[in-house]
């Protein structure tokens, strides 16, 4: 059974690149356009990994992570930030919210696959 990844990003082109890369590596991908939709989809279907942007309309990545971590089914689910934000301050906020890792855009698809495999196999 393929592992399922929730990809949350307001950029459709970036979501497509992420989904294409992950599907080619054998993962199933659920896409969401912002944190609000990501949270709704996460509640409907448990996923093995959440990959989220930070800067999005309606709900940003940090808010999404905090709300997911409050759900018992997502207390231990790996969550990675995939964002242009790379400051130490933002990374510290991400860790405090419950993010397990950080990838900076633009991303290398091969690096993304390596990190995902390391985190969920």
PDB file of N, CA and C in Angstrom:
ATOM      1  N   UNK A   1       0.848  -1.195   0.000  1.00  0.00           N
ATOM      2  CA  UNK A   1       0.000   0.000   0.000  1.00  0.00           C
ATOM      3  C   UNK A   1       0.891   1.255   0.000  1.00  0.00           C
ATOM      4  N   UNK A   2       0.658   2.127  -0.944  1.00  0.00           N
ATOM      5  CA  UNK A   2       1.471   3.340  -1.056  1.00  0.00           C
ATOM      6  C   UNK A   2       1.189   4.284   0.109  1.00  0.00           C
ATOM      7  N   UNK A   3       2.228   4.927   0.581  1.00  0.00           N
ATOM      8  CA  UNK A   3       2.074   5.929   1.635  1.00  0.00           C
ATOM      9  C   UNK A   3       1.461   7.176   1.018  1.00  0.00           C
ATOM     10  N   UNK A   4       0.648   7.881   1.817  1.00  0.00           N
ATOM     11  CA  UNK A   4      -0.058   9.060   1.334  1.00  0.00           C
ATOM     12  C   UNK A   4       0.530  10.321   1.946  1.00  0.00           C
ATOM     13  N   UNK A   5       0.741  11.314   1.103  1.00  0.00           N
ATOM     14  CA  UNK A   5       1.316  12.587   1.524  1.00  0.00           C
ATOM     15  C   UNK A   5       0.331  13.703   1.210  1.00  0.00           C
ATOM     16  N   UNK A   6       0.105  14.574   2.183  1.00  0.00           N
ATOM     17  CA  UNK A   6      -0.729  15.762   1.988  1.00  0.00           C
ATOM     18  C   UNK A   6       0.199  16.914   1.638  1.00  0.00           C
ATOM     19  N   UNK A   7       0.041  17.472   0.431  1.00  0.00           N
ATOM     20  CA  UNK A   7       0.853  18.600  -0.029  1.00  0.00           C
ATOM     21  C   UNK A   7       0.005  19.871   0.010  1.00  0.00           C
ATOM     22  N   UNK A   8       0.400  20.820   0.864  1.00  0.00           N
ATOM     23  CA  UNK A   8      -0.379  22.044   1.065  1.00  0.00           C
ATOM     24  C   UNK A   8       0.434  23.247   0.589  1.00  0.00           C
ATOM     25  N   UNK A   9      -0.042  23.900  -0.473  1.00  0.00           N
ATOM     26  CA  UNK A   9       0.659  25.076  -1.008  1.00  0.00           C
ATOM     27  C   UNK A   9      -0.318  25.866  -1.867  1.00  0.00           C
ATOM     28  N   UNK A  10      -0.268  27.190  -1.759  1.00  0.00           N
ATOM     29  CA  UNK A  10      -1.188  28.019  -2.538  1.00  0.00           C
ATOM     30  C   UNK A  10      -0.729  28.187  -3.988  1.00  0.00           C
ATOM     31  N   UNK A  11       0.478  27.749  -4.305  1.00  0.00           N
ATOM     32  CA  UNK A  11       0.968  27.816  -5.685  1.00  0.00           C
ATOM     33  C   UNK A  11       0.615  26.518  -6.408  1.00  0.00           C
ATOM     34  N   UNK A  12      -0.241  26.610  -7.425  1.00  0.00           N
ATOM     35  CA  UNK A  12      -0.653  25.397  -8.134  1.00  0.00           C
ATOM     36  C   UNK A  12       0.535  24.768  -8.862  1.00  0.00           C
ATOM     37  N   UNK A  13       1.431  25.585  -9.415  1.00  0.00           N
ATOM     38  CA  UNK A  13       2.579  25.020 -10.127  1.00  0.00           C
ATOM     39  C   UNK A  13       3.498  24.275  -9.166  1.00  0.00           C
ATOM     40  N   UNK A  14       3.673  24.804  -7.960  1.00  0.00           N
ATOM     41  CA  UNK A  14       4.522  24.117  -6.993  1.00  0.00           C
ATOM     42  C   UNK A  14       3.858  22.823  -6.523  1.00  0.00           C
ATOM     43  N   UNK A  15       2.560  22.865  -6.264  1.00  0.00           N
ATOM     44  CA  UNK A  15       1.837  21.643  -5.875  1.00  0.00           C
ATOM     45  C   UNK A  15       1.973  20.574  -6.954  1.00  0.00           C
ATOM     46  N   UNK A  16       1.849  20.995  -8.225  1.00  0.00           N
ATOM     47  CA  UNK A  16       1.978  20.048  -9.334  1.00  0.00           C
ATOM     48  C   UNK A  16       3.375  19.435  -9.376  1.00  0.00           C
ATOM     49  N   UNK A  17       4.414  20.252  -9.165  1.00  0.00           N
ATOM     50  CA  UNK A  17       5.789  19.741  -9.170  1.00  0.00           C
ATOM     51  C   UNK A  17       6.006  18.754  -8.021  1.00  0.00           C
ATOM     52  N   UNK A  18       5.511  19.109  -6.845  1.00  0.00           N
ATOM     53  CA  UNK A  18       5.638  18.233  -5.680  1.00  0.00           C
ATOM     54  C   UNK A  18       4.887  16.928  -5.932  1.00  0.00           C
ATOM     55  N   UNK A  19       3.644  17.034  -6.392  1.00  0.00           N
ATOM     56  CA  UNK A  19       2.819  15.842  -6.639  1.00  0.00           C
ATOM     57  C   UNK A  19       3.458  14.957  -7.706  1.00  0.00           C
ATOM     58  N   UNK A  20       3.940  15.560  -8.781  1.00  0.00           N
ATOM     59  CA  UNK A  20       4.570  14.800  -9.857  1.00  0.00           C
ATOM     60  C   UNK A  20       5.791  14.033  -9.328  1.00  0.00           C
ATOM     61  N   UNK A  21       6.630  14.724  -8.566  1.00  0.00           N
ATOM     62  CA  UNK A  21       7.850  14.105  -8.020  1.00  0.00           C
ATOM     63  C   UNK A  21       7.514  12.957  -7.079  1.00  0.00           C
ATOM     64  N   UNK A  22       6.560  13.188  -6.183  1.00  0.00           N
ATOM     65  CA  UNK A  22       6.204  12.175  -5.188  1.00  0.00           C
ATOM     66  C   UNK A  22       5.491  10.978  -5.822  1.00  0.00           C
ATOM     67  N   UNK A  23       4.595  11.248  -6.773  1.00  0.00           N
ATOM     68  CA  UNK A  23       3.883  10.147  -7.443  1.00  0.00           C
ATOM     69  C   UNK A  23       4.864   9.283  -8.238  1.00  0.00           C
ATOM     70  N   UNK A  24       5.846   9.921  -8.872  1.00  0.00           N
ATOM     71  CA  UNK A  24       6.855   9.178  -9.630  1.00  0.00           C
ATOM     72  C   UNK A  24       7.665   8.260  -8.716  1.00  0.00           C
ATOM     73  N   UNK A  25       7.761   8.641  -7.437  1.00  0.00           N
ATOM     74  CA  UNK A  25       8.501   7.828  -6.463  1.00  0.00           C
ATOM     75  C   UNK A  25       7.595   6.803  -5.772  1.00  0.00           C
ATOM     76  N   UNK A  26       6.325   6.743  -6.199  1.00  0.00           N
ATOM     77  CA  UNK A  26       5.429   5.713  -5.688  1.00  0.00           C
ATOM     78  C   UNK A  26       4.507   6.125  -4.553  1.00  0.00           C
ATOM     79  N   UNK A  27       4.452   7.411  -4.249  1.00  0.00           N
ATOM     80  CA  UNK A  27       3.572   7.885  -3.169  1.00  0.00           C
ATOM     81  C   UNK A  27       2.238   8.344  -3.731  1.00  0.00           C
ATOM     82  N   UNK A  28       1.200   8.272  -2.891  1.00  0.00           N
ATOM     83  CA  UNK A  28      -0.079   8.877  -3.238  1.00  0.00           C
ATOM     84  C   UNK A  28      -0.039  10.304  -2.701  1.00  0.00           C
ATOM     85  N   UNK A  29      -0.664  11.242  -3.413  1.00  0.00           N
ATOM     86  CA  UNK A  29      -0.611  12.644  -2.997  1.00  0.00           C
ATOM     87  C   UNK A  29      -2.021  13.228  -2.942  1.00  0.00           C
ATOM     88  N   UNK A  30      -2.311  13.879  -1.826  1.00  0.00           N
ATOM     89  CA  UNK A  30      -3.543  14.638  -1.660  1.00  0.00           C
ATOM     90  C   UNK A  30      -3.110  16.102  -1.649  1.00  0.00           C
ATOM     91  N   UNK A  31      -3.755  16.931  -2.464  1.00  0.00           N
ATOM     92  CA  UNK A  31      -3.349  18.337  -2.559  1.00  0.00           C
ATOM     93  C   UNK A  31      -4.361  19.252  -1.886  1.00  0.00           C
ATOM     94  N   UNK A  32      -3.848  20.352  -1.301  1.00  0.00           N
ATOM     95  CA  UNK A  32      -4.701  21.378  -0.695  1.00  0.00           C
ATOM     96  C   UNK A  32      -4.123  22.748  -1.040  1.00  0.00           C
ATOM     97  N   UNK A  33      -5.005  23.738  -1.268  1.00  0.00           N
ATOM     98  CA  UNK A  33      -4.579  25.059  -1.729  1.00  0.00           C
ATOM     99  C   UNK A  33      -4.145  26.000  -0.601  1.00  0.00           C
ATOM    100  N   UNK A  34      -4.497  25.679   0.641  1.00  0.00           N
ATOM    101  CA  UNK A  34      -4.070  26.503   1.778  1.00  0.00           C
ATOM    102  C   UNK A  34      -4.244  25.694   3.062  1.00  0.00           C
ATOM    103  N   UNK A  35      -3.844  26.282   4.174  1.00  0.00           N
ATOM    104  CA  UNK A  35      -3.903  25.573   5.439  1.00  0.00           C
ATOM    105  C   UNK A  35      -5.307  25.140   5.831  1.00  0.00           C
ATOM    106  N   UNK A  36      -6.287  25.981   5.532  1.00  0.00           N
ATOM    107  CA  UNK A  36      -7.670  25.649   5.876  1.00  0.00           C
ATOM    108  C   UNK A  36      -8.119  24.376   5.155  1.00  0.00           C
ATOM    109  N   UNK A  37      -7.893  24.330   3.840  1.00  0.00           N
ATOM    110  CA  UNK A  37      -8.262  23.144   3.075  1.00  0.00           C
ATOM    111  C   UNK A  37      -7.414  21.946   3.501  1.00  0.00           C
ATOM    112  N   UNK A  38      -6.145  22.195   3.813  1.00  0.00           N
ATOM    113  CA  UNK A  38      -5.270  21.130   4.278  1.00  0.00           C
ATOM    114  C   UNK A  38      -5.787  20.485   5.542  1.00  0.00           C
ATOM    115  N   UNK A  39      -6.229  21.310   6.481  1.00  0.00           N
ATOM    116  CA  UNK A  39      -6.775  20.805   7.740  1.00  0.00           C
ATOM    117  C   UNK A  39      -8.044  19.988   7.482  1.00  0.00           C
ATOM    118  N   UNK A  40      -8.918  20.508   6.618  1.00  0.00           N
ATOM    119  CA  UNK A  40     -10.158  19.793   6.295  1.00  0.00           C
ATOM    120  C   UNK A  40      -9.853  18.426   5.668  1.00  0.00           C
ATOM    121  N   UNK A  41      -8.917  18.393   4.726  1.00  0.00           N
ATOM    122  CA  UNK A  41      -8.572  17.126   4.064  1.00  0.00           C
ATOM    123  C   UNK A  41      -7.892  16.162   5.032  1.00  0.00           C
ATOM    124  N   UNK A  42      -7.072  16.697   5.938  1.00  0.00           N
ATOM    125  CA  UNK A  42      -6.384  15.857   6.929  1.00  0.00           C
ATOM    126  C   UNK A  42      -7.389  15.203   7.875  1.00  0.00           C
ATOM    127  N   UNK A  43      -8.480  15.898   8.170  1.00  0.00           N
ATOM    128  CA  UNK A  43      -9.513  15.340   9.051  1.00  0.00           C
ATOM    129  C   UNK A  43     -10.320  14.254   8.337  1.00  0.00           C
ATOM    130  N   UNK A  44     -10.447  14.362   7.005  1.00  0.00           N
ATOM    131  CA  UNK A  44     -11.223  13.386   6.230  1.00  0.00           C
ATOM    132  C   UNK A  44     -10.443  12.104   5.963  1.00  0.00           C
ATOM    133  N   UNK A  45      -9.127  12.213   5.869  1.00  0.00           N
ATOM    134  CA  UNK A  45      -8.294  11.074   5.482  1.00  0.00           C
ATOM    135  C   UNK A  45      -6.953  11.177   6.187  1.00  0.00           C
ATOM    136  N   UNK A  46      -6.601  10.147   6.959  1.00  0.00           N
ATOM    137  CA  UNK A  46      -5.293  10.149   7.595  1.00  0.00           C
ATOM    138  C   UNK A  46      -4.205  10.007   6.548  1.00  0.00           C
ATOM    139  N   UNK A  47      -3.151  10.800   6.677  1.00  0.00           N
ATOM    140  CA  UNK A  47      -2.026  10.724   5.755  1.00  0.00           C
ATOM    141  C   UNK A  47      -0.771  10.351   6.546  1.00  0.00           C
ATOM    142  N   UNK A  48       0.257   9.902   5.823  1.00  0.00           N
ATOM    143  CA  UNK A  48       1.494   9.453   6.460  1.00  0.00           C
ATOM    144  C   UNK A  48       2.490  10.591   6.670  1.00  0.00           C
ATOM    145  N   UNK A  49       2.312  11.688   5.913  1.00  0.00           N
ATOM    146  CA  UNK A  49       3.221  12.830   5.985  1.00  0.00           C
ATOM    147  C   UNK A  49       2.487  14.066   5.497  1.00  0.00           C
ATOM    148  N   UNK A  50       2.752  15.207   6.147  1.00  0.00           N
ATOM    149  CA  UNK A  50       2.207  16.485   5.687  1.00  0.00           C
ATOM    150  C   UNK A  50       3.380  17.346   5.239  1.00  0.00           C
ATOM    151  N   UNK A  51       3.253  17.912   4.047  1.00  0.00           N
ATOM    152  CA  UNK A  51       4.249  18.810   3.473  1.00  0.00           C
ATOM    153  C   UNK A  51       3.543  20.137   3.279  1.00  0.00           C
ATOM    154  N   UNK A  52       3.964  21.184   3.996  1.00  0.00           N
ATOM    155  CA  UNK A  52       3.225  22.441   3.915  1.00  0.00           C
ATOM    156  C   UNK A  52       4.111  23.650   3.674  1.00  0.00           C
ATOM    157  N   UNK A  53       3.562  24.584   2.922  1.00  0.00           N
ATOM    158  CA  UNK A  53       4.160  25.899   2.726  1.00  0.00           C
ATOM    159  C   UNK A  53       3.899  26.707   3.999  1.00  0.00           C
ATOM    160  N   UNK A  54       4.570  27.842   4.154  1.00  0.00           N
ATOM    161  CA  UNK A  54       4.293  28.722   5.283  1.00  0.00           C
ATOM    162  C   UNK A  54       3.321  29.822   4.887  1.00  0.00           C
ATOM    163  N   UNK A  55       3.667  30.611   3.877  1.00  0.00           N
ATOM    164  CA  UNK A  55       2.874  31.791   3.530  1.00  0.00           C
ATOM    165  C   UNK A  55       1.741  31.450   2.566  1.00  0.00           C
ATOM    166  N   UNK A  56       0.510  31.384   3.127  1.00  0.00           N
ATOM    167  CA  UNK A  56      -0.673  31.053   2.327  1.00  0.00           C
ATOM    168  C   UNK A  56      -1.849  31.882   2.832  1.00  0.00           C
ATOM    169  N   UNK A  57      -2.849  32.110   1.964  1.00  0.00           N
ATOM    170  CA  UNK A  57      -4.057  32.816   2.418  1.00  0.00           C
ATOM    171  C   UNK A  57      -4.880  31.943   3.371  1.00  0.00           C
ATOM    172  N   UNK A  58      -5.785  32.533   4.074  1.00  0.00           N
ATOM    173  CA  UNK A  58      -6.725  31.884   5.009  1.00  0.00           C
ATOM    174  C   UNK A  58      -6.052  31.272   6.227  1.00  0.00           C
ATOM    175  N   UNK A  59      -5.051  30.422   6.045  1.00  0.00           N
ATOM    176  CA  UNK A  59      -4.342  29.827   7.177  1.00  0.00           C
ATOM    177  C   UNK A  59      -2.921  29.499   6.738  1.00  0.00           C
ATOM    178  N   UNK A  60      -1.936  29.996   7.491  1.00  0.00           N
ATOM    179  CA  UNK A  60      -0.550  29.728   7.104  1.00  0.00           C
ATOM    180  C   UNK A  60      -0.079  28.374   7.641  1.00  0.00           C
ATOM    181  N   UNK A  61       1.144  28.009   7.264  1.00  0.00           N
ATOM    182  CA  UNK A  61       1.682  26.701   7.611  1.00  0.00           C
ATOM    183  C   UNK A  61       1.828  26.478   9.112  1.00  0.00           C
ATOM    184  N   UNK A  62       2.273  27.506   9.850  1.00  0.00           N
ATOM    185  CA  UNK A  62       2.444  27.349  11.299  1.00  0.00           C
ATOM    186  C   UNK A  62       1.107  27.085  11.989  1.00  0.00           C
ATOM    187  N   UNK A  63       0.078  27.822  11.585  1.00  0.00           N
ATOM    188  CA  UNK A  63      -1.255  27.591  12.158  1.00  0.00           C
ATOM    189  C   UNK A  63      -1.734  26.174  11.843  1.00  0.00           C
ATOM    190  N   UNK A  64      -1.515  25.743  10.602  1.00  0.00           N
ATOM    191  CA  UNK A  64      -1.915  24.401  10.194  1.00  0.00           C
ATOM    192  C   UNK A  64      -1.225  23.356  11.069  1.00  0.00           C
ATOM    193  N   UNK A  65       0.085  23.501  11.256  1.00  0.00           N
ATOM    194  CA  UNK A  65       0.833  22.534  12.062  1.00  0.00           C
ATOM    195  C   UNK A  65       0.291  22.495  13.494  1.00  0.00           C
ATOM    196  N   UNK A  66       0.073  23.664  14.083  1.00  0.00           N
ATOM    197  CA  UNK A  66      -0.434  23.714  15.454  1.00  0.00           C
ATOM    198  C   UNK A  66      -1.782  23.011  15.573  1.00  0.00           C
ATOM    199  N   UNK A  67      -2.682  23.256  14.619  1.00  0.00           N
ATOM    200  CA  UNK A  67      -4.012  22.635  14.663  1.00  0.00           C
ATOM    201  C   UNK A  67      -3.938  21.135  14.411  1.00  0.00           C
ATOM    202  N   UNK A  68      -3.053  20.709  13.500  1.00  0.00           N
ATOM    203  CA  UNK A  68      -2.892  19.269  13.261  1.00  0.00           C
ATOM    204  C   UNK A  68      -2.359  18.579  14.515  1.00  0.00           C
ATOM    205  N   UNK A  69      -1.399  19.196  15.178  1.00  0.00           N
ATOM    206  CA  UNK A  69      -0.796  18.597  16.374  1.00  0.00           C
ATOM    207  C   UNK A  69      -1.803  18.441  17.516  1.00  0.00           C
ATOM    208  N   UNK A  70      -2.874  19.231  17.492  1.00  0.00           N
ATOM    209  CA  UNK A  70      -3.921  19.114  18.527  1.00  0.00           C
ATOM    210  C   UNK A  70      -4.812  17.893  18.285  1.00  0.00           C
ATOM    211  N   UNK A  71      -4.787  17.345  17.058  1.00  0.00           N
ATOM    212  CA  UNK A  71      -5.601  16.175  16.733  1.00  0.00           C
ATOM    213  C   UNK A  71      -4.829  14.915  17.129  1.00  0.00           C
ATOM    214  N   UNK A  72      -5.441  14.014  17.913  1.00  0.00           N
ATOM    215  CA  UNK A  72      -4.731  12.794  18.329  1.00  0.00           C
ATOM    216  C   UNK A  72      -4.146  12.004  17.164  1.00  0.00           C
ATOM    217  N   UNK A  73      -4.841  11.951  16.034  1.00  0.00           N
ATOM    218  CA  UNK A  73      -4.354  11.172  14.889  1.00  0.00           C
ATOM    219  C   UNK A  73      -3.146  11.815  14.207  1.00  0.00           C
ATOM    220  N   UNK A  74      -2.830  13.068  14.533  1.00  0.00           N
ATOM    221  CA  UNK A  74      -1.685  13.747  13.922  1.00  0.00           C
ATOM    222  C   UNK A  74      -0.620  14.146  14.947  1.00  0.00           C
ATOM    223  N   UNK A  75      -0.723  13.612  16.152  1.00  0.00           N
ATOM    224  CA  UNK A  75       0.249  13.948  17.197  1.00  0.00           C
ATOM    225  C   UNK A  75       1.667  13.523  16.811  1.00  0.00           C
ATOM    226  N   UNK A  76       1.777  12.403  16.107  1.00  0.00           N
ATOM    227  CA  UNK A  76       3.097  11.862  15.766  1.00  0.00           C
ATOM    228  C   UNK A  76       3.375  11.839  14.250  1.00  0.00           C
ATOM    229  N   UNK A  77       2.432  12.291  13.440  1.00  0.00           N
ATOM    230  CA  UNK A  77       2.610  12.297  11.991  1.00  0.00           C
ATOM    231  C   UNK A  77       3.727  13.273  11.604  1.00  0.00           C
ATOM    232  N   UNK A  78       4.685  12.843  10.776  1.00  0.00           N
ATOM    233  CA  UNK A  78       5.742  13.771  10.355  1.00  0.00           C
ATOM    234  C   UNK A  78       5.167  14.930   9.534  1.00  0.00           C
ATOM    235  N   UNK A  79       5.647  16.133   9.845  1.00  0.00           N
ATOM    236  CA  UNK A  79       5.243  17.332   9.114  1.00  0.00           C
ATOM    237  C   UNK A  79       6.504  18.074   8.692  1.00  0.00           C
ATOM    238  N   UNK A  80       6.617  18.323   7.388  1.00  0.00           N
ATOM    239  CA  UNK A  80       7.753  19.056   6.845  1.00  0.00           C
ATOM    240  C   UNK A  80       7.285  20.380   6.266  1.00  0.00           C
ATOM    241  N   UNK A  81       8.044  21.440   6.508  1.00  0.00           N
ATOM    242  CA  UNK A  81       7.780  22.732   5.898  1.00  0.00           C
ATOM    243  C   UNK A  81       8.545  22.787   4.576  1.00  0.00           C
ATOM    244  N   UNK A  82       7.879  23.221   3.520  1.00  0.00           N
ATOM    245  CA  UNK A  82       8.516  23.442   2.213  1.00  0.00           C
ATOM    246  C   UNK A  82       8.198  24.885   1.856  1.00  0.00           C
ATOM    247  N   UNK A  83       9.158  25.787   2.080  1.00  0.00           N
ATOM    248  CA  UNK A  83       8.861  27.208   2.024  1.00  0.00           C
ATOM    249  C   UNK A  83      10.064  28.031   1.580  1.00  0.00           C
ATOM    250  N   UNK A  84       9.810  29.279   1.189  1.00  0.00           N
ATOM    251  CA  UNK A  84      10.902  30.193   0.866  1.00  0.00           C
ATOM    252  C   UNK A  84      11.519  30.759   2.144  1.00  0.00           C
ATOM    253  N   UNK A  85      10.804  30.636   3.261  1.00  0.00           N
ATOM    254  CA  UNK A  85      11.284  31.152   4.548  1.00  0.00           C
ATOM    255  C   UNK A  85      12.454  30.302   5.026  1.00  0.00           C
ATOM    256  N   UNK A  86      13.601  30.931   5.275  1.00  0.00           N
ATOM    257  CA  UNK A  86      14.758  30.149   5.700  1.00  0.00           C
ATOM    258  C   UNK A  86      15.467  30.741   6.918  1.00  0.00           C
ATOM    259  N   UNK A  87      14.867  31.749   7.551  1.00  0.00           N
ATOM    260  CA  UNK A  87      15.519  32.369   8.705  1.00  0.00           C
ATOM    261  C   UNK A  87      15.506  31.421   9.907  1.00  0.00           C
ATOM    262  N   UNK A  88      16.506  31.553  10.758  1.00  0.00           N
ATOM    263  CA  UNK A  88      16.577  30.721  11.964  1.00  0.00           C
ATOM    264  C   UNK A  88      15.366  30.963  12.853  1.00  0.00           C
ATOM    265  N   UNK A  89      14.898  32.214  12.882  1.00  0.00           N
ATOM    266  CA  UNK A  89      13.721  32.557  13.700  1.00  0.00           C
ATOM    267  C   UNK A  89      12.484  31.789  13.210  1.00  0.00           C
ATOM    268  N   UNK A  90      12.285  31.757  11.891  1.00  0.00           N
ATOM    269  CA  UNK A  90      11.123  31.055  11.342  1.00  0.00           C
ATOM    270  C   UNK A  90      11.251  29.551  11.569  1.00  0.00           C
ATOM    271  N   UNK A  91      12.467  29.016  11.426  1.00  0.00           N
ATOM    272  CA  UNK A  91      12.674  27.586  11.678  1.00  0.00           C
ATOM    273  C   UNK A  91      12.376  27.250  13.141  1.00  0.00           C
ATOM    274  N   UNK A  92      12.761  28.137  14.054  1.00  0.00           N
ATOM    275  CA  UNK A  92      12.481  27.920  15.477  1.00  0.00           C
ATOM    276  C   UNK A  92      10.972  27.929  15.721  1.00  0.00           C
ATOM    277  N   UNK A  93      10.257  28.842  15.062  1.00  0.00           N
ATOM    278  CA  UNK A  93       8.794  28.878  15.185  1.00  0.00           C
ATOM    279  C   UNK A  93       8.184  27.584  14.637  1.00  0.00           C
ATOM    280  N   UNK A  94       8.740  27.099  13.527  1.00  0.00           N
ATOM    281  CA  UNK A  94       8.262  25.852  12.930  1.00  0.00           C
ATOM    282  C   UNK A  94       8.448  24.682  13.884  1.00  0.00           C
ATOM    283  N   UNK A  95       9.633  24.588  14.495  1.00  0.00           N
ATOM    284  CA  UNK A  95       9.899  23.509  15.455  1.00  0.00           C
ATOM    285  C   UNK A  95       8.955  23.614  16.652  1.00  0.00           C
ATOM    286  N   UNK A  96       8.757  24.841  17.133  1.00  0.00           N
ATOM    287  CA  UNK A  96       7.876  25.055  18.286  1.00  0.00           C
ATOM    288  C   UNK A  96       6.441  24.637  17.962  1.00  0.00           C
ATOM    289  N   UNK A  97       6.025  24.849  16.704  1.00  0.00           N
ATOM    290  CA  UNK A  97       4.665  24.478  16.287  1.00  0.00           C
ATOM    291  C   UNK A  97       4.532  22.969  16.119  1.00  0.00           C
ATOM    292  N   UNK A  98       5.662  22.291  15.892  1.00  0.00           N
ATOM    293  CA  UNK A  98       5.611  20.841  15.741  1.00  0.00           C
ATOM    294  C   UNK A  98       6.138  20.312  14.429  1.00  0.00           C
ATOM    295  N   UNK A  99       6.798  21.162  13.614  1.00  0.00           N
ATOM    296  CA  UNK A  99       7.370  20.699  12.351  1.00  0.00           C
ATOM    297  C   UNK A  99       8.566  19.791  12.634  1.00  0.00           C
ATOM    298  N   UNK A 100       8.699  18.735  11.840  1.00  0.00           N
ATOM    299  CA  UNK A 100       9.815  17.796  11.997  1.00  0.00           C
ATOM    300  C   UNK A 100      11.011  18.151  11.128  1.00  0.00           C
ATOM    301  N   UNK A 101      10.786  18.945  10.077  1.00  0.00           N
ATOM    302  CA  UNK A 101      11.878  19.278   9.176  1.00  0.00           C
ATOM    303  C   UNK A 101      11.544  20.466   8.303  1.00  0.00           C
ATOM    304  N   UNK A 102      12.541  20.895   7.535  1.00  0.00           N
ATOM    305  CA  UNK A 102      12.438  22.131   6.770  1.00  0.00           C
ATOM    306  C   UNK A 102      13.120  21.972   5.428  1.00  0.00           C
ATOM    307  N   UNK A 103      12.436  22.251   4.344  1.00  0.00           N
ATOM    308  CA  UNK A 103      13.029  22.270   3.005  1.00  0.00           C
ATOM    309  C   UNK A 103      12.781  23.658   2.423  1.00  0.00           C
ATOM    310  N   UNK A 104      13.810  24.227   1.795  1.00  0.00           N
ATOM    311  CA  UNK A 104      13.685  25.582   1.258  1.00  0.00           C
ATOM    312  C   UNK A 104      13.418  25.536  -0.247  1.00  0.00           C
ATOM    313  N   UNK A 105      12.455  26.361  -0.690  1.00  0.00           N
ATOM    314  CA  UNK A 105      12.153  26.515  -2.116  1.00  0.00           C
ATOM    315  C   UNK A 105      13.166  27.479  -2.724  1.00  0.00           C
ATOM    316  N   UNK A 106      13.491  27.345  -3.983  1.00  0.00           N
ATOM    317  CA  UNK A 106      13.051  26.262  -4.855  1.00  0.00           C
ATOM    318  C   UNK A 106      13.700  24.954  -4.413  1.00  0.00           C
ATOM    319  N   UNK A 107      12.961  23.858  -4.546  1.00  0.00           N
ATOM    320  CA  UNK A 107      13.455  22.581  -4.046  1.00  0.00           C
ATOM    321  C   UNK A 107      13.963  21.709  -5.181  1.00  0.00           C
ATOM    322  N   UNK A 108      14.871  20.811  -4.820  1.00  0.00           N
ATOM    323  CA  UNK A 108      15.383  19.825  -5.761  1.00  0.00           C
ATOM    324  C   UNK A 108      14.502  18.583  -5.597  1.00  0.00           C
ATOM    325  N   UNK A 109      13.795  18.159  -6.661  1.00  0.00           N
ATOM    326  CA  UNK A 109      12.894  17.004  -6.532  1.00  0.00           C
ATOM    327  C   UNK A 109      13.574  15.759  -5.951  1.00  0.00           C
ATOM    328  N   UNK A 110      14.823  15.516  -6.336  1.00  0.00           N
ATOM    329  CA  UNK A 110      15.525  14.339  -5.819  1.00  0.00           C
ATOM    330  C   UNK A 110      15.765  14.461  -4.317  1.00  0.00           C
ATOM    331  N   UNK A 111      16.103  15.668  -3.883  1.00  0.00           N
ATOM    332  CA  UNK A 111      16.313  15.925  -2.440  1.00  0.00           C
ATOM    333  C   UNK A 111      14.994  15.740  -1.674  1.00  0.00           C
ATOM    334  N   UNK A 112      13.897  16.213  -2.259  1.00  0.00           N
ATOM    335  CA  UNK A 112      12.585  16.045  -1.635  1.00  0.00           C
ATOM    336  C   UNK A 112      12.295  14.562  -1.421  1.00  0.00           C
ATOM    337  N   UNK A 113      12.510  13.745  -2.447  1.00  0.00           N
ATOM    338  CA  UNK A 113      12.264  12.302  -2.351  1.00  0.00           C
ATOM    339  C   UNK A 113      13.158  11.681  -1.276  1.00  0.00           C
ATOM    340  N   UNK A 114      14.428  12.089  -1.240  1.00  0.00           N
ATOM    341  CA  UNK A 114      15.353  11.549  -0.228  1.00  0.00           C
ATOM    342  C   UNK A 114      14.859  11.845   1.175  1.00  0.00           C
ATOM    343  N   UNK A 115      14.438  13.090   1.399  1.00  0.00           N
ATOM    344  CA  UNK A 115      13.957  13.476   2.736  1.00  0.00           C
ATOM    345  C   UNK A 115      12.684  12.716   3.091  1.00  0.00           C
ATOM    346  N   UNK A 116      11.755  12.631   2.151  1.00  0.00           N
ATOM    347  CA  UNK A 116      10.503  11.913   2.403  1.00  0.00           C
ATOM    348  C   UNK A 116      10.782  10.441   2.725  1.00  0.00           C
ATOM    349  N   UNK A 117      11.667   9.822   1.946  1.00  0.00           N
ATOM    350  CA  UNK A 117      12.003   8.411   2.206  1.00  0.00           C
ATOM    351  C   UNK A 117      12.624   8.234   3.576  1.00  0.00           C
ATOM    352  N   UNK A 118      13.471   9.189   3.973  1.00  0.00           N
ATOM    353  CA  UNK A 118      14.115   9.120   5.279  1.00  0.00           C
ATOM    354  C   UNK A 118      13.070   9.224   6.402  1.00  0.00           C
ATOM    355  N   UNK A 119      12.053  10.058   6.176  1.00  0.00           N
ATOM    356  CA  UNK A 119      11.052  10.308   7.210  1.00  0.00           C
ATOM    357  C   UNK A 119       9.977   9.220   7.285  1.00  0.00           C
ATOM    358  N   UNK A 120       9.477   8.758   6.132  1.00  0.00           N
ATOM    359  CA  UNK A 120       8.372   7.774   6.180  1.00  0.00           C
ATOM    360  C   UNK A 120       8.650   6.466   5.437  1.00  0.00           C
ATOM    361  N   UNK A 121       9.821   6.370   4.811  1.00  0.00           N
ATOM    362  CA  UNK A 121      10.154   5.108   4.134  1.00  0.00           C
ATOM    363  C   UNK A 121       9.595   4.999   2.745  1.00  0.00           C
TER     364      UNK A 121
END
